[in-house]
């Protein structure tokens, strides 16, 4: 039997360790973004969280992170923010417009869809564009979409094409920015304050359907997405992919 000889030029096996790395999470002060920030910090990273929200550093959930105020719709502000951050290793963009902000297809004007595209697709584009010069060798970018990228639903005509555009952007940038790695996470139902704008009865109904119809038989958490984000940051052989973290959501018709 032939014995394989170790090649010292080959990379070491992947590890979830982020010790000595710096991670920037845009949208990282709440919900999924906060889960990503916490997961990266738990693996040893120094984390900077950026968001439109101004939050006291005394808040226990954010006390261990650097914070910057950033509106992804303001490209000049995005550029200035990343120049101020300086060199870092991994970018994760979870920011997006609030629930219901996209309007409907037959609205009297197109303000809803334009705002949604600006806040999600063009905001992600701006973050990637101005972060790229600051990323160190071995760095990565990770974007965030959702199940609506793959399955259309009534009344959400603005969301599906926007998510699909973000996923296409990640694949394009995996080539455009190589060897920087660029991926997308597509989460399913993740139980965070993102849903707090819905009536209590409606959100409880959704939770019950998730528990009874999803193959994993439980509700997703921000920590589930955070774990996936750390995997994408630390696996050096994954780029241009969409990682679904959805508990089997796309396998079932759960909203009807």
Protein backbone atom coordinates (compact mmCIF):
# COMPACT_ATOMS: atom_id res chain seq x y z
CA UNK A 1 0.00 0.00 0.00
CA UNK A 2 1.31 3.45 -0.92
CA UNK A 3 1.85 5.78 2.02
CA UNK A 4 0.77 9.38 1.54
CA UNK A 5 3.52 11.83 2.37
CA UNK A 6 2.57 15.03 4.15
CA UNK A 7 2.98 18.14 1.99
CA UNK A 8 4.03 21.12 4.15
CA UNK A 9 2.71 23.52 1.49
CA UNK A 10 -0.86 22.28 1.97
CA UNK A 11 -3.11 24.18 4.42
CA UNK A 12 -3.83 22.76 7.84
CA UNK A 13 -7.21 21.11 8.41
CA UNK A 14 -10.01 23.67 8.95
CA UNK A 15 -10.70 24.81 12.49
CA UNK A 16 -13.45 26.93 14.01
CA UNK A 17 -10.80 28.91 15.91
CA UNK A 18 -10.91 32.67 15.24
CA UNK A 19 -8.30 33.67 17.78
CA UNK A 20 -6.41 36.71 16.58
CA UNK A 21 -8.97 37.45 13.85
CA UNK A 22 -11.12 40.53 13.55
CA UNK A 23 -14.75 40.20 12.43
CA UNK A 24 -17.12 42.99 11.39
CA UNK A 25 -20.86 42.23 11.56
CA UNK A 26 -23.09 44.79 9.86
CA UNK A 27 -26.47 44.60 11.54
CA UNK A 28 -24.81 42.98 14.53
CA UNK A 29 -26.56 44.77 17.38
CA UNK A 30 -29.72 42.64 17.39
CA UNK A 31 -31.41 39.47 16.15
CA UNK A 32 -29.41 37.23 13.78
CA UNK A 33 -26.55 39.72 13.52
CA UNK A 34 -26.06 39.65 17.28
CA UNK A 35 -26.07 35.84 17.19
CA UNK A 36 -23.30 35.93 14.58
CA UNK A 37 -21.28 38.41 16.63
CA UNK A 38 -21.60 36.29 19.76
CA UNK A 39 -20.61 33.11 17.92
CA UNK A 40 -17.51 34.74 16.42
CA UNK A 41 -16.51 36.17 19.80
CA UNK A 42 -16.94 32.75 21.42
CA UNK A 43 -14.41 31.39 18.91
CA UNK A 44 -11.86 34.01 19.92
CA UNK A 45 -12.45 36.83 17.43
CA UNK A 46 -12.33 40.53 18.17
CA UNK A 47 -15.74 41.71 16.95
CA UNK A 48 -16.99 45.05 15.68
CA UNK A 49 -20.75 45.44 15.31
CA UNK A 50 -22.24 48.08 13.01
CA UNK A 51 -25.87 49.17 12.84
CA UNK A 52 -28.16 52.14 12.45
CA UNK A 53 -29.10 51.62 16.09
CA UNK A 54 -27.26 53.57 18.77
CA UNK A 55 -26.93 51.25 21.75
CA UNK A 56 -25.29 51.85 25.11
CA UNK A 57 -22.06 49.89 25.52
CA UNK A 58 -23.26 49.11 29.03
CA UNK A 59 -25.78 46.65 27.56
CA UNK A 60 -24.44 43.23 28.57
CA UNK A 61 -25.03 41.66 25.13
CA UNK A 62 -22.79 44.23 23.43
CA UNK A 63 -20.30 45.13 26.13
CA UNK A 64 -17.54 42.95 24.66
CA UNK A 65 -17.82 44.35 21.13
CA UNK A 66 -16.63 47.52 19.45
CA UNK A 67 -19.58 49.45 18.07
CA UNK A 68 -20.02 51.79 15.13
CA UNK A 69 -23.16 53.50 13.82
CA UNK A 70 -23.66 52.69 10.15
CA UNK A 71 -26.56 53.09 7.73
CA UNK A 72 -25.88 50.82 4.74
CA UNK A 73 -28.01 53.11 2.53
CA UNK A 74 -25.42 55.89 2.93
CA UNK A 75 -22.52 54.83 0.70
CA UNK A 76 -20.26 57.69 1.79
CA UNK A 77 -20.89 56.69 5.39
CA UNK A 78 -20.16 53.05 4.58
CA UNK A 79 -16.85 53.99 2.97
CA UNK A 80 -15.86 56.18 5.91
CA UNK A 81 -16.79 53.45 8.39
CA UNK A 82 -14.64 50.77 6.79
CA UNK A 83 -11.71 53.16 6.37
CA UNK A 84 -12.01 53.86 10.11
CA UNK A 85 -12.20 50.15 10.95
CA UNK A 86 -8.99 49.45 9.04
CA UNK A 87 -7.66 45.96 8.24
CA UNK A 88 -9.80 43.02 9.37
CA UNK A 89 -10.46 39.40 8.45
CA UNK A 90 -14.15 38.60 7.99
CA UNK A 91 -17.24 40.59 7.02
CA UNK A 92 -20.78 39.42 7.72
CA UNK A 93 -23.68 41.55 6.42
CA UNK A 94 -26.99 40.72 8.10
CA UNK A 95 -28.55 44.20 7.92
CA UNK A 96 -31.82 44.67 6.09
CA UNK A 97 -35.04 46.69 6.12
CA UNK A 98 -37.67 45.96 8.78
CA UNK A 99 -40.54 43.52 8.42
CA UNK A 100 -43.23 44.75 6.03
CA UNK A 101 -41.24 47.68 4.65
CA UNK A 102 -41.31 46.43 1.05
CA UNK A 103 -44.91 47.34 0.21
CA UNK A 104 -46.89 45.44 -2.44
CA UNK A 105 -46.54 45.04 -6.18
CA UNK A 106 -49.55 47.25 -7.05
CA UNK A 107 -48.81 50.10 -4.66
CA UNK A 108 -49.51 53.56 -6.02
CA UNK A 109 -45.76 54.10 -6.43
CA UNK A 110 -42.52 52.14 -6.17
CA UNK A 111 -41.14 53.68 -2.99
CA UNK A 112 -41.47 50.42 -1.04
CA UNK A 113 -39.54 48.24 -3.47
CA UNK A 114 -36.92 50.93 -4.14
CA UNK A 115 -36.35 51.33 -0.40
CA UNK A 116 -36.09 47.58 0.08
CA UNK A 117 -33.63 47.14 -2.77
CA UNK A 118 -31.55 50.02 -1.44
CA UNK A 119 -31.54 48.74 2.11
CA UNK A 120 -30.82 45.08 1.30
CA UNK A 121 -29.19 44.57 -2.10
CA UNK A 122 -27.42 47.90 -2.63
CA UNK A 123 -26.56 48.09 1.06
CA UNK A 124 -24.89 44.68 0.88
CA UNK A 125 -23.12 45.77 -2.32
CA UNK A 126 -21.80 48.94 -0.67
CA UNK A 127 -20.51 47.06 2.38
CA UNK A 128 -18.72 44.50 0.18
CA UNK A 129 -17.26 47.17 -2.09
CA UNK A 130 -15.77 49.25 0.69
CA UNK A 131 -14.78 46.35 2.94
CA UNK A 132 -12.84 44.54 0.22
CA UNK A 133 -9.75 46.80 0.35
CA UNK A 134 -9.53 46.25 4.12
CA UNK A 135 -9.77 42.45 4.14
CA UNK A 136 -6.57 40.61 5.02
CA UNK A 137 -5.32 37.53 3.16
CA UNK A 138 -7.53 34.55 3.90
CA UNK A 139 -10.50 36.80 4.52
CA UNK A 140 -14.16 36.21 3.73
CA UNK A 141 -17.52 37.87 3.25
CA UNK A 142 -20.86 36.35 4.22
CA UNK A 143 -24.26 37.74 3.22
CA UNK A 144 -27.75 36.92 4.53
CA UNK A 145 -30.98 36.18 2.65
CA UNK A 146 -33.87 33.86 3.50
CA UNK A 147 -36.10 31.07 2.26
CA UNK A 148 -38.03 33.50 0.08
CA UNK A 149 -35.05 33.49 -2.28
CA UNK A 150 -36.10 30.00 -3.32
CA UNK A 151 -39.85 29.91 -2.73
CA UNK A 152 -42.18 32.75 -3.68
CA UNK A 153 -45.09 33.75 -1.48
CA UNK A 154 -48.07 35.99 -2.14
CA UNK A 155 -47.55 39.64 -1.27
CA UNK A 156 -43.76 39.45 -1.13
CA UNK A 157 -42.88 40.28 -4.74
CA UNK A 158 -40.11 42.67 -3.67
CA UNK A 159 -38.39 40.25 -1.30
CA UNK A 160 -37.81 37.20 -3.52
CA UNK A 161 -35.95 39.00 -6.34
CA UNK A 162 -33.97 41.06 -3.83
CA UNK A 163 -32.80 37.96 -1.97
CA UNK A 164 -32.04 36.22 -5.25
CA UNK A 165 -29.97 39.24 -6.30
CA UNK A 166 -27.94 39.10 -3.07
CA UNK A 167 -27.23 35.40 -3.61
CA UNK A 168 -26.18 36.07 -7.21
CA UNK A 169 -23.96 38.89 -6.01
CA UNK A 170 -22.15 36.55 -3.61
CA UNK A 171 -21.41 34.12 -6.42
CA UNK A 172 -20.19 36.93 -8.68
CA UNK A 173 -17.94 38.34 -5.99
CA UNK A 174 -16.48 34.90 -5.25
CA UNK A 175 -14.88 35.27 -8.69
CA UNK A 176 -14.47 39.05 -8.75
CA UNK A 177 -12.70 39.26 -5.38
CA UNK A 178 -10.90 35.89 -5.34
CA UNK A 179 -9.12 34.66 -3.30
CA UNK A 180 -11.42 36.44 -0.84
CA UNK A 181 -14.19 33.92 -0.19
CA UNK A 182 -17.80 35.11 -0.53
CA UNK A 183 -20.85 33.09 0.57
CA UNK A 184 -24.48 33.53 1.59
CA UNK A 185 -26.46 32.09 4.49
CA UNK A 186 -30.14 31.42 3.76
CA UNK A 187 -31.86 31.06 7.14
CA UNK A 188 -35.35 29.73 7.68
CA UNK A 189 -37.65 30.81 10.49
CA UNK A 190 -35.38 32.19 13.21
CA UNK A 191 -37.17 33.27 16.36
CA UNK A 192 -35.88 36.79 17.05
CA UNK A 193 -37.27 40.25 17.66
CA UNK A 194 -37.44 40.73 13.87
CA UNK A 195 -40.98 39.33 14.10
CA UNK A 196 -42.12 41.55 16.96
CA UNK A 197 -44.15 43.77 14.60
CA UNK A 198 -46.64 40.94 14.01
CA UNK A 199 -49.68 40.42 16.28
CA UNK A 200 -49.02 38.02 19.13
CA UNK A 201 -51.59 35.49 17.86
CA UNK A 202 -49.99 35.49 14.40
CA UNK A 203 -46.47 34.89 15.67
CA UNK A 204 -47.63 32.15 18.03
CA UNK A 205 -49.39 30.45 15.11
CA UNK A 206 -46.17 30.56 13.07
CA UNK A 207 -44.17 29.12 15.96
CA UNK A 208 -46.62 26.25 16.34
CA UNK A 209 -46.49 25.45 12.62
CA UNK A 210 -42.69 25.44 12.69
CA UNK A 211 -42.57 23.05 15.64
CA UNK A 212 -45.08 20.64 14.14
CA UNK A 213 -44.20 20.75 10.42
CA UNK A 214 -40.45 21.35 10.11
CA UNK A 215 -38.41 18.13 9.98
CA UNK A 216 -36.22 19.28 12.91
CA UNK A 217 -39.37 19.92 15.01
CA UNK A 218 -38.05 23.05 16.66
CA UNK A 219 -37.67 26.78 16.08
CA UNK A 220 -34.39 28.14 14.77
CA UNK A 221 -32.23 30.44 16.87
CA UNK A 222 -29.76 33.20 16.12
CA UNK A 223 -27.07 30.88 17.51
CA UNK A 224 -27.85 28.36 14.74
CA UNK A 225 -27.03 31.00 12.14
CA UNK A 226 -24.02 32.16 14.13
CA UNK A 227 -22.59 28.63 14.04
CA UNK A 228 -23.02 28.54 10.25
CA UNK A 229 -21.35 31.94 9.88
CA UNK A 230 -18.31 30.78 11.86
CA UNK A 231 -18.09 27.70 9.63
CA UNK A 232 -18.05 29.88 6.51
CA UNK A 233 -15.43 32.19 8.02
CA UNK A 234 -13.11 29.36 8.96
CA UNK A 235 -13.42 26.78 6.18
CA UNK A 236 -10.89 27.88 3.55
CA UNK A 237 -12.36 25.73 0.76
CA UNK A 238 -15.93 27.09 0.68
CA UNK A 239 -16.80 30.00 -1.60
CA UNK A 240 -19.61 31.03 -3.93
CA UNK A 241 -22.16 28.90 -2.09
CA UNK A 242 -25.52 29.36 -0.40
CA UNK A 243 -25.71 27.60 2.96
CA UNK A 244 -29.28 26.87 4.01
CA UNK A 245 -29.87 26.98 7.77
CA UNK A 246 -33.57 26.34 7.77
CA UNK A 247 -34.50 23.17 9.61
CA UNK A 248 -35.93 21.69 6.42
CA UNK A 249 -38.27 24.63 5.78
CA UNK A 250 -38.18 24.31 2.00
CA UNK A 251 -39.22 20.67 2.21
CA UNK A 252 -42.68 21.47 3.57
CA UNK A 253 -45.61 23.83 2.95
CA UNK A 254 -45.73 25.22 6.44
CA UNK A 255 -47.47 28.58 6.11
CA UNK A 256 -50.69 27.20 4.66
